[in-house]
């Protein structure tokens, strides 16, 4: 009895698999069910064939609205790089994620295409340059662009990135083009100011060496006062402010008992 029940289960399973159908919806609304295959012709144009029973029908991409594969994959035509291709829909939203097939690539649906409702898109490459491309494309959501800049997202986090961006759009809306340009301008000015305030590596190293030598020096008696003066000097140098002559003189005089520190502070202050 058990053997008979097991055999029936197997038969039902294979029966279900054999009747699994792909569903193709044409642009005119007509629905076809059968076995779908996506192929490319000699001109690198994609087309689809659907086998219904013994009959096989060929359709060009412009005739297809969508295809629901038996395994659950949803295939839709998408336009990018001046061409129309089939794209496997991974995420749908203001920003959609499709997997598409690159030209002259035998591996189907191996490339990531991010597509906005306004018609703009990017076809992602590998890890190299991912952050700069994604940040610029998604710059109309400041939080996401900043998170990309801060390396919150890796190339492998593409689905999380798309979902987070769509949440940002739904909750906070999009920045206008003018606002994006203004923010880019302010960021550029801030970066320029940051670079202006940065000390040369040589001077920064000397300040670090001085602080270390002063900490372990046994030749400076009034170390607390000298440390306070040095902190004042280093703070002014980092802010690109002039160091008063009296402060220079007082610090140099306080270090006369330690020739090494005195020589180093003169190099710093020159």
C-alpha atoms as a PDB file:
ATOM      1  CA  UNK A   1       0.000   0.000   0.000  1.00  0.00           C
ATOM      2  CA  UNK A   2       2.786   2.385   0.947  1.00  0.00           C
ATOM      3  CA  UNK A   3       4.627   1.585  -2.260  1.00  0.00           C
ATOM      4  CA  UNK A   4       1.511   2.342  -4.288  1.00  0.00           C
ATOM      5  CA  UNK A   5       0.988   5.689  -2.510  1.00  0.00           C
ATOM      6  CA  UNK A   6       4.635   6.638  -3.081  1.00  0.00           C
ATOM      7  CA  UNK A   7       4.354   5.770  -6.771  1.00  0.00           C
ATOM      8  CA  UNK A   8       1.234   7.907  -7.103  1.00  0.00           C
ATOM      9  CA  UNK A   9       2.998  10.859  -5.475  1.00  0.00           C
ATOM     10  CA  UNK A  10       5.895  10.564  -7.913  1.00  0.00           C
ATOM     11  CA  UNK A  11       3.533  10.361 -10.858  1.00  0.00           C
ATOM     12  CA  UNK A  12       1.605  13.410  -9.674  1.00  0.00           C
ATOM     13  CA  UNK A  13       4.853  15.330  -9.194  1.00  0.00           C
ATOM     14  CA  UNK A  14       6.095  14.598 -12.696  1.00  0.00           C
ATOM     15  CA  UNK A  15       2.641  15.248 -14.065  1.00  0.00           C
ATOM     16  CA  UNK A  16       2.668  18.700 -12.475  1.00  0.00           C
ATOM     17  CA  UNK A  17       6.130  19.413 -13.833  1.00  0.00           C
ATOM     18  CA  UNK A  18       5.193  18.309 -17.328  1.00  0.00           C
ATOM     19  CA  UNK A  19       2.204  20.657 -17.355  1.00  0.00           C
ATOM     20  CA  UNK A  20       4.187  23.657 -16.048  1.00  0.00           C
ATOM     21  CA  UNK A  21       3.661  26.386 -18.652  1.00  0.00           C
ATOM     22  CA  UNK A  22       5.267  29.712 -19.442  1.00  0.00           C
ATOM     23  CA  UNK A  23       2.783  32.525 -20.023  1.00  0.00           C
ATOM     24  CA  UNK A  24       3.382  35.138 -22.716  1.00  0.00           C
ATOM     25  CA  UNK A  25       1.236  38.260 -22.957  1.00  0.00           C
ATOM     26  CA  UNK A  26       1.322  40.075 -26.284  1.00  0.00           C
ATOM     27  CA  UNK A  27       1.015  43.860 -26.571  1.00  0.00           C
ATOM     28  CA  UNK A  28      -2.505  43.418 -27.965  1.00  0.00           C
ATOM     29  CA  UNK A  29      -3.516  41.618 -24.751  1.00  0.00           C
ATOM     30  CA  UNK A  30      -3.543  38.114 -26.197  1.00  0.00           C
ATOM     31  CA  UNK A  31      -2.211  35.488 -23.782  1.00  0.00           C
ATOM     32  CA  UNK A  32      -0.318  32.402 -24.912  1.00  0.00           C
ATOM     33  CA  UNK A  33       0.728  29.457 -22.760  1.00  0.00           C
ATOM     34  CA  UNK A  34       3.470  27.048 -23.716  1.00  0.00           C
ATOM     35  CA  UNK A  35       7.235  26.591 -23.630  1.00  0.00           C
ATOM     36  CA  UNK A  36       9.051  29.917 -24.174  1.00  0.00           C
ATOM     37  CA  UNK A  37      12.593  30.315 -25.454  1.00  0.00           C
ATOM     38  CA  UNK A  38      14.448  33.602 -25.856  1.00  0.00           C
ATOM     39  CA  UNK A  39      17.060  33.766 -28.618  1.00  0.00           C
ATOM     40  CA  UNK A  40      19.126  36.225 -30.650  1.00  0.00           C
ATOM     41  CA  UNK A  41      19.299  36.495 -34.445  1.00  0.00           C
ATOM     42  CA  UNK A  42      22.320  37.215 -36.656  1.00  0.00           C
ATOM     43  CA  UNK A  43      21.779  40.974 -36.223  1.00  0.00           C
ATOM     44  CA  UNK A  44      21.996  40.590 -32.436  1.00  0.00           C
ATOM     45  CA  UNK A  45      18.271  41.273 -32.077  1.00  0.00           C
ATOM     46  CA  UNK A  46      16.402  39.316 -29.426  1.00  0.00           C
ATOM     47  CA  UNK A  47      13.219  37.444 -30.235  1.00  0.00           C
ATOM     48  CA  UNK A  48      11.109  34.766 -28.589  1.00  0.00           C
ATOM     49  CA  UNK A  49       9.583  31.475 -29.647  1.00  0.00           C
ATOM     50  CA  UNK A  50       6.705  29.799 -27.859  1.00  0.00           C
ATOM     51  CA  UNK A  51       5.874  26.159 -28.414  1.00  0.00           C
ATOM     52  CA  UNK A  52       2.243  25.267 -27.845  1.00  0.00           C
ATOM     53  CA  UNK A  53       1.785  21.544 -28.277  1.00  0.00           C
ATOM     54  CA  UNK A  54       3.532  20.771 -31.539  1.00  0.00           C
ATOM     55  CA  UNK A  55       3.168  24.275 -32.925  1.00  0.00           C
ATOM     56  CA  UNK A  56       6.015  26.771 -32.518  1.00  0.00           C
ATOM     57  CA  UNK A  57       5.377  30.504 -32.969  1.00  0.00           C
ATOM     58  CA  UNK A  58       8.072  33.150 -33.364  1.00  0.00           C
ATOM     59  CA  UNK A  59       7.504  36.688 -32.050  1.00  0.00           C
ATOM     60  CA  UNK A  60       9.742  39.715 -32.244  1.00  0.00           C
ATOM     61  CA  UNK A  61      10.392  41.701 -29.108  1.00  0.00           C
ATOM     62  CA  UNK A  62       8.014  44.535 -30.071  1.00  0.00           C
ATOM     63  CA  UNK A  63       5.085  42.104 -29.992  1.00  0.00           C
ATOM     64  CA  UNK A  64       5.683  41.081 -26.361  1.00  0.00           C
ATOM     65  CA  UNK A  65       4.357  42.870 -23.267  1.00  0.00           C
ATOM     66  CA  UNK A  66       5.682  40.408 -20.700  1.00  0.00           C
ATOM     67  CA  UNK A  67       6.515  36.760 -20.094  1.00  0.00           C
ATOM     68  CA  UNK A  68       5.833  34.912 -16.853  1.00  0.00           C
ATOM     69  CA  UNK A  69       8.111  31.890 -16.797  1.00  0.00           C
ATOM     70  CA  UNK A  70       7.014  28.647 -15.155  1.00  0.00           C
ATOM     71  CA  UNK A  71       9.706  29.127 -12.488  1.00  0.00           C
ATOM     72  CA  UNK A  72       8.235  32.521 -11.512  1.00  0.00           C
ATOM     73  CA  UNK A  73      10.654  34.794 -13.413  1.00  0.00           C
ATOM     74  CA  UNK A  74       9.029  37.867 -14.954  1.00  0.00           C
ATOM     75  CA  UNK A  75      10.525  38.991 -18.280  1.00  0.00           C
ATOM     76  CA  UNK A  76       9.745  42.403 -19.789  1.00  0.00           C
ATOM     77  CA  UNK A  77      11.083  44.446 -22.721  1.00  0.00           C
ATOM     78  CA  UNK A  78      13.358  47.288 -21.577  1.00  0.00           C
ATOM     79  CA  UNK A  79      14.950  50.027 -23.657  1.00  0.00           C
ATOM     80  CA  UNK A  80      18.553  51.139 -23.056  1.00  0.00           C
ATOM     81  CA  UNK A  81      21.654  52.056 -25.031  1.00  0.00           C
ATOM     82  CA  UNK A  82      19.464  52.721 -28.044  1.00  0.00           C
ATOM     83  CA  UNK A  83      18.148  49.168 -28.158  1.00  0.00           C
ATOM     84  CA  UNK A  84      15.249  47.106 -26.858  1.00  0.00           C
ATOM     85  CA  UNK A  85      16.049  43.917 -24.955  1.00  0.00           C
ATOM     86  CA  UNK A  86      14.377  41.400 -22.692  1.00  0.00           C
ATOM     87  CA  UNK A  87      15.014  42.079 -19.027  1.00  0.00           C
ATOM     88  CA  UNK A  88      14.396  39.783 -16.076  1.00  0.00           C
ATOM     89  CA  UNK A  89      12.654  41.912 -13.436  1.00  0.00           C
ATOM     90  CA  UNK A  90      14.302  41.550 -10.031  1.00  0.00           C
ATOM     91  CA  UNK A  91      12.797  44.569  -8.248  1.00  0.00           C
ATOM     92  CA  UNK A  92      10.010  46.863  -9.399  1.00  0.00           C
ATOM     93  CA  UNK A  93       9.582  50.431  -8.167  1.00  0.00           C
ATOM     94  CA  UNK A  94      10.501  54.021  -8.988  1.00  0.00           C
ATOM     95  CA  UNK A  95      13.928  52.454  -9.428  1.00  0.00           C
ATOM     96  CA  UNK A  96      13.665  48.999 -10.969  1.00  0.00           C
ATOM     97  CA  UNK A  97      16.369  46.370 -11.186  1.00  0.00           C
ATOM     98  CA  UNK A  98      16.565  44.167 -14.260  1.00  0.00           C
ATOM     99  CA  UNK A  99      19.030  41.517 -15.362  1.00  0.00           C
ATOM    100  CA  UNK A 100      19.729  41.813 -19.086  1.00  0.00           C
ATOM    101  CA  UNK A 101      21.947  40.085 -21.625  1.00  0.00           C
ATOM    102  CA  UNK A 102      24.910  42.021 -22.960  1.00  0.00           C
ATOM    103  CA  UNK A 103      25.554  42.013 -26.685  1.00  0.00           C
ATOM    104  CA  UNK A 104      27.582  39.041 -27.912  1.00  0.00           C
ATOM    105  CA  UNK A 105      27.404  37.387 -24.504  1.00  0.00           C
ATOM    106  CA  UNK A 106      26.134  33.781 -24.461  1.00  0.00           C
ATOM    107  CA  UNK A 107      25.172  34.029 -20.778  1.00  0.00           C
ATOM    108  CA  UNK A 108      21.591  35.266 -20.550  1.00  0.00           C
ATOM    109  CA  UNK A 109      20.504  37.867 -17.963  1.00  0.00           C
ATOM    110  CA  UNK A 110      23.999  38.326 -16.496  1.00  0.00           C
ATOM    111  CA  UNK A 111      24.193  42.152 -16.414  1.00  0.00           C
ATOM    112  CA  UNK A 112      22.531  44.514 -13.912  1.00  0.00           C
ATOM    113  CA  UNK A 113      20.403  47.334 -15.302  1.00  0.00           C
ATOM    114  CA  UNK A 114      18.989  49.996 -12.955  1.00  0.00           C
ATOM    115  CA  UNK A 115      16.053  51.814 -14.520  1.00  0.00           C
ATOM    116  CA  UNK A 116      14.180  54.859 -13.169  1.00  0.00           C
ATOM    117  CA  UNK A 117      10.579  55.717 -14.031  1.00  0.00           C
ATOM    118  CA  UNK A 118      11.800  58.924 -15.686  1.00  0.00           C
ATOM    119  CA  UNK A 119      13.563  56.783 -18.315  1.00  0.00           C
ATOM    120  CA  UNK A 120      17.113  57.263 -17.068  1.00  0.00           C
ATOM    121  CA  UNK A 121      19.216  54.173 -16.422  1.00  0.00           C
ATOM    122  CA  UNK A 122      22.676  52.770 -15.796  1.00  0.00           C
ATOM    123  CA  UNK A 123      24.107  49.440 -16.882  1.00  0.00           C
ATOM    124  CA  UNK A 124      26.435  48.418 -14.081  1.00  0.00           C
ATOM    125  CA  UNK A 125      29.871  46.986 -14.664  1.00  0.00           C
ATOM    126  CA  UNK A 126      32.022  45.219 -12.096  1.00  0.00           C
ATOM    127  CA  UNK A 127      33.382  46.464  -8.779  1.00  0.00           C
ATOM    128  CA  UNK A 128      35.699  49.009 -10.386  1.00  0.00           C
ATOM    129  CA  UNK A 129      34.030  52.423 -10.413  1.00  0.00           C
ATOM    130  CA  UNK A 130      30.766  51.079  -8.961  1.00  0.00           C
ATOM    131  CA  UNK A 131      30.497  53.651  -6.154  1.00  0.00           C
ATOM    132  CA  UNK A 132      31.108  56.736  -8.271  1.00  0.00           C
ATOM    133  CA  UNK A 133      28.632  55.612 -10.961  1.00  0.00           C
ATOM    134  CA  UNK A 134      25.925  54.593  -8.470  1.00  0.00           C
ATOM    135  CA  UNK A 135      26.421  57.730  -6.354  1.00  0.00           C
ATOM    136  CA  UNK A 136      26.003  60.037  -9.349  1.00  0.00           C
ATOM    137  CA  UNK A 137      22.959  58.146 -10.668  1.00  0.00           C
ATOM    138  CA  UNK A 138      21.214  58.081  -7.279  1.00  0.00           C
ATOM    139  CA  UNK A 139      22.309  61.574  -6.249  1.00  0.00           C
ATOM    140  CA  UNK A 140      18.705  62.812  -6.151  1.00  0.00           C
ATOM    141  CA  UNK A 141      18.439  61.042  -2.777  1.00  0.00           C
ATOM    142  CA  UNK A 142      21.112  62.628  -0.591  1.00  0.00           C
ATOM    143  CA  UNK A 143      21.061  59.949   2.097  1.00  0.00           C
ATOM    144  CA  UNK A 144      21.704  57.145  -0.385  1.00  0.00           C
ATOM    145  CA  UNK A 145      24.394  59.064  -2.260  1.00  0.00           C
ATOM    146  CA  UNK A 146      26.185  59.785   1.025  1.00  0.00           C
ATOM    147  CA  UNK A 147      25.871  56.154   2.151  1.00  0.00           C
ATOM    148  CA  UNK A 148      27.437  55.018  -1.131  1.00  0.00           C
ATOM    149  CA  UNK A 149      30.244  57.526  -0.643  1.00  0.00           C
ATOM    150  CA  UNK A 150      30.788  56.161   2.880  1.00  0.00           C
ATOM    151  CA  UNK A 151      31.128  52.623   1.454  1.00  0.00           C
ATOM    152  CA  UNK A 152      27.932  51.312   3.048  1.00  0.00           C
ATOM    153  CA  UNK A 153      27.100  49.433  -0.161  1.00  0.00           C
ATOM    154  CA  UNK A 154      29.283  46.937  -1.976  1.00  0.00           C
ATOM    155  CA  UNK A 155      28.745  45.884  -5.590  1.00  0.00           C
ATOM    156  CA  UNK A 156      27.101  42.717  -4.277  1.00  0.00           C
ATOM    157  CA  UNK A 157      24.546  44.779  -2.268  1.00  0.00           C
ATOM    158  CA  UNK A 158      22.700  45.937  -5.371  1.00  0.00           C
ATOM    159  CA  UNK A 159      19.260  44.681  -4.274  1.00  0.00           C
ATOM    160  CA  UNK A 160      19.549  46.351  -0.865  1.00  0.00           C
ATOM    161  CA  UNK A 161      20.679  49.559  -2.548  1.00  0.00           C
ATOM    162  CA  UNK A 162      17.679  49.561  -4.901  1.00  0.00           C
ATOM    163  CA  UNK A 163      15.214  48.860  -2.081  1.00  0.00           C
ATOM    164  CA  UNK A 164      16.746  51.523   0.193  1.00  0.00           C
ATOM    165  CA  UNK A 165      16.648  54.078  -2.617  1.00  0.00           C
ATOM    166  CA  UNK A 166      12.972  53.359  -3.293  1.00  0.00           C
ATOM    167  CA  UNK A 167      12.192  53.792   0.408  1.00  0.00           C
ATOM    168  CA  UNK A 168      14.041  57.120   0.362  1.00  0.00           C
ATOM    169  CA  UNK A 169      12.038  58.271  -2.654  1.00  0.00           C
ATOM    170  CA  UNK A 170       8.692  57.290  -1.120  1.00  0.00           C
ATOM    171  CA  UNK A 171       9.430  58.879   2.270  1.00  0.00           C
ATOM    172  CA  UNK A 172      11.414  61.990   1.368  1.00  0.00           C
ATOM    173  CA  UNK A 173      10.898  62.573  -2.327  1.00  0.00           C
ATOM    174  CA  UNK A 174      13.549  63.527  -4.848  1.00  0.00           C
ATOM    175  CA  UNK A 175      15.858  66.521  -4.908  1.00  0.00           C
ATOM    176  CA  UNK A 176      15.347  68.844  -7.853  1.00  0.00           C
ATOM    177  CA  UNK A 177      18.065  69.224 -10.464  1.00  0.00           C
ATOM    178  CA  UNK A 178      18.800  72.724  -9.164  1.00  0.00           C
ATOM    179  CA  UNK A 179      19.149  71.442  -5.584  1.00  0.00           C
ATOM    180  CA  UNK A 180      21.486  68.659  -6.724  1.00  0.00           C
ATOM    181  CA  UNK A 181      23.653  71.139  -8.623  1.00  0.00           C
ATOM    182  CA  UNK A 182      23.746  73.495  -5.630  1.00  0.00           C
ATOM    183  CA  UNK A 183      24.699  70.676  -3.284  1.00  0.00           C
ATOM    184  CA  UNK A 184      27.440  69.555  -5.665  1.00  0.00           C
ATOM    185  CA  UNK A 185      28.731  73.122  -5.721  1.00  0.00           C
ATOM    186  CA  UNK A 186      28.740  73.340  -1.921  1.00  0.00           C
ATOM    187  CA  UNK A 187      30.438  69.944  -1.618  1.00  0.00           C
ATOM    188  CA  UNK A 188      33.132  71.074  -4.034  1.00  0.00           C
ATOM    189  CA  UNK A 189      33.748  74.257  -2.048  1.00  0.00           C
ATOM    190  CA  UNK A 190      33.869  72.269   1.198  1.00  0.00           C
ATOM    191  CA  UNK A 191      36.376  69.846  -0.273  1.00  0.00           C
ATOM    192  CA  UNK A 192      38.486  72.720  -1.548  1.00  0.00           C
ATOM    193  CA  UNK A 193      38.455  74.339   1.903  1.00  0.00           C
ATOM    194  CA  UNK A 194      39.376  71.028   3.518  1.00  0.00           C
ATOM    195  CA  UNK A 195      42.380  70.673   1.236  1.00  0.00           C
ATOM    196  CA  UNK A 196      43.374  74.278   1.886  1.00  0.00           C
ATOM    197  CA  UNK A 197      43.437  73.632   5.616  1.00  0.00           C
ATOM    198  CA  UNK A 198      45.389  70.409   5.350  1.00  0.00           C
ATOM    199  CA  UNK A 199      49.034  70.615   6.359  1.00  0.00           C
ATOM    200  CA  UNK A 200      51.745  69.094   4.244  1.00  0.00           C
ATOM    201  CA  UNK A 201      52.664  65.551   5.234  1.00  0.00           C
ATOM    202  CA  UNK A 202      56.133  66.743   6.217  1.00  0.00           C
ATOM    203  CA  UNK A 203      54.856  69.390   8.618  1.00  0.00           C
ATOM    204  CA  UNK A 204      52.225  67.075  10.064  1.00  0.00           C
ATOM    205  CA  UNK A 205      54.932  64.491  10.713  1.00  0.00           C
ATOM    206  CA  UNK A 206      57.115  67.073  12.452  1.00  0.00           C
ATOM    207  CA  UNK A 207      54.231  68.083  14.724  1.00  0.00           C
ATOM    208  CA  UNK A 208      53.672  64.426  15.577  1.00  0.00           C
ATOM    209  CA  UNK A 209      57.396  63.864  16.231  1.00  0.00           C
ATOM    210  CA  UNK A 210      57.556  66.959  18.424  1.00  0.00           C
ATOM    211  CA  UNK A 211      54.597  65.838  20.555  1.00  0.00           C
ATOM    212  CA  UNK A 212      56.202  62.420  21.083  1.00  0.00           C
ATOM    213  CA  UNK A 213      59.661  63.801  21.914  1.00  0.00           C
ATOM    214  CA  UNK A 214      58.189  66.352  24.305  1.00  0.00           C
ATOM    215  CA  UNK A 215      56.213  63.688  26.136  1.00  0.00           C
ATOM    216  CA  UNK A 216      59.329  61.612  26.835  1.00  0.00           C
ATOM    217  CA  UNK A 217      61.826  64.444  27.280  1.00  0.00           C
ATOM    218  CA  UNK A 218      63.499  64.685  30.697  1.00  0.00           C
ATOM    219  CA  UNK A 219      65.238  67.975  29.827  1.00  0.00           C
ATOM    220  CA  UNK A 220      62.180  70.216  29.898  1.00  0.00           C
ATOM    221  CA  UNK A 221      61.184  71.212  33.427  1.00  0.00           C
ATOM    222  CA  UNK A 222      58.012  73.209  32.835  1.00  0.00           C
ATOM    223  CA  UNK A 223      56.524  70.578  30.501  1.00  0.00           C
ATOM    224  CA  UNK A 224      52.885  71.497  31.148  1.00  0.00           C
ATOM    225  CA  UNK A 225      53.415  75.103  30.042  1.00  0.00           C
ATOM    226  CA  UNK A 226      55.474  74.023  27.035  1.00  0.00           C
ATOM    227  CA  UNK A 227      52.777  71.509  26.035  1.00  0.00           C
ATOM    228  CA  UNK A 228      50.105  74.220  26.260  1.00  0.00           C
ATOM    229  CA  UNK A 229      52.150  76.587  24.086  1.00  0.00           C
ATOM    230  CA  UNK A 230      52.864  73.834  21.557  1.00  0.00           C
ATOM    231  CA  UNK A 231      49.177  72.934  21.340  1.00  0.00           C
ATOM    232  CA  UNK A 232      48.414  76.593  20.700  1.00  0.00           C
ATOM    233  CA  UNK A 233      51.039  76.734  17.942  1.00  0.00           C
ATOM    234  CA  UNK A 234      49.935  73.488  16.262  1.00  0.00           C
ATOM    235  CA  UNK A 235      46.283  74.584  16.406  1.00  0.00           C
ATOM    236  CA  UNK A 236      47.082  77.871  14.652  1.00  0.00           C
ATOM    237  CA  UNK A 237      49.170  76.096  12.015  1.00  0.00           C
ATOM    238  CA  UNK A 238      46.351  73.665  11.263  1.00  0.00           C
ATOM    239  CA  UNK A 239      43.910  76.554  10.928  1.00  0.00           C
ATOM    240  CA  UNK A 240      46.382  78.375   8.680  1.00  0.00           C
ATOM    241  CA  UNK A 241      46.577  81.199  11.180  1.00  0.00           C
ATOM    242  CA  UNK A 242      49.707  83.257  11.853  1.00  0.00           C
ATOM    243  CA  UNK A 243      51.684  82.316  14.974  1.00  0.00           C
ATOM    244  CA  UNK A 244      52.454  85.480  17.018  1.00  0.00           C
ATOM    245  CA  UNK A 245      56.134  86.304  17.475  1.00  0.00           C
ATOM    246  CA  UNK A 246      55.824  86.349  21.258  1.00  0.00           C
ATOM    247  CA  UNK A 247      54.546  82.758  21.211  1.00  0.00           C
ATOM    248  CA  UNK A 248      57.368  81.659  18.923  1.00  0.00           C
ATOM    249  CA  UNK A 249      59.946  83.318  21.192  1.00  0.00           C
ATOM    250  CA  UNK A 250      58.454  81.957  24.409  1.00  0.00           C
ATOM    251  CA  UNK A 251      58.293  78.378  23.085  1.00  0.00           C
ATOM    252  CA  UNK A 252      61.798  78.461  21.627  1.00  0.00           C
ATOM    253  CA  UNK A 253      63.205  79.879  24.902  1.00  0.00           C
ATOM    254  CA  UNK A 254      61.386  77.252  26.981  1.00  0.00           C
ATOM    255  CA  UNK A 255      63.081  74.518  24.950  1.00  0.00           C
ATOM    256  CA  UNK A 256      66.664  75.768  25.301  1.00  0.00           C
ATOM    257  CA  UNK A 257      67.434  72.917  27.708  1.00  0.00           C
ATOM    258  CA  UNK A 258      66.552  70.360  25.019  1.00  0.00           C
ATOM    259  CA  UNK A 259      68.499  71.129  21.807  1.00  0.00           C
ATOM    260  CA  UNK A 260      66.701  68.451  19.807  1.00  0.00           C
ATOM    261  CA  UNK A 261      63.252  69.865  20.551  1.00  0.00           C
ATOM    262  CA  UNK A 262      64.475  73.423  20.059  1.00  0.00           C
ATOM    263  CA  UNK A 263      65.841  72.552  16.608  1.00  0.00           C
ATOM    264  CA  UNK A 264      62.607  70.814  15.661  1.00  0.00           C
ATOM    265  CA  UNK A 265      60.369  73.721  16.734  1.00  0.00           C
ATOM    266  CA  UNK A 266      62.468  76.127  14.675  1.00  0.00           C
ATOM    267  CA  UNK A 267      61.936  73.881  11.629  1.00  0.00           C
ATOM    268  CA  UNK A 268      58.208  73.858  12.341  1.00  0.00           C
ATOM    269  CA  UNK A 269      57.987  77.635  12.736  1.00  0.00           C
ATOM    270  CA  UNK A 270      60.145  78.701   9.806  1.00  0.00           C
END
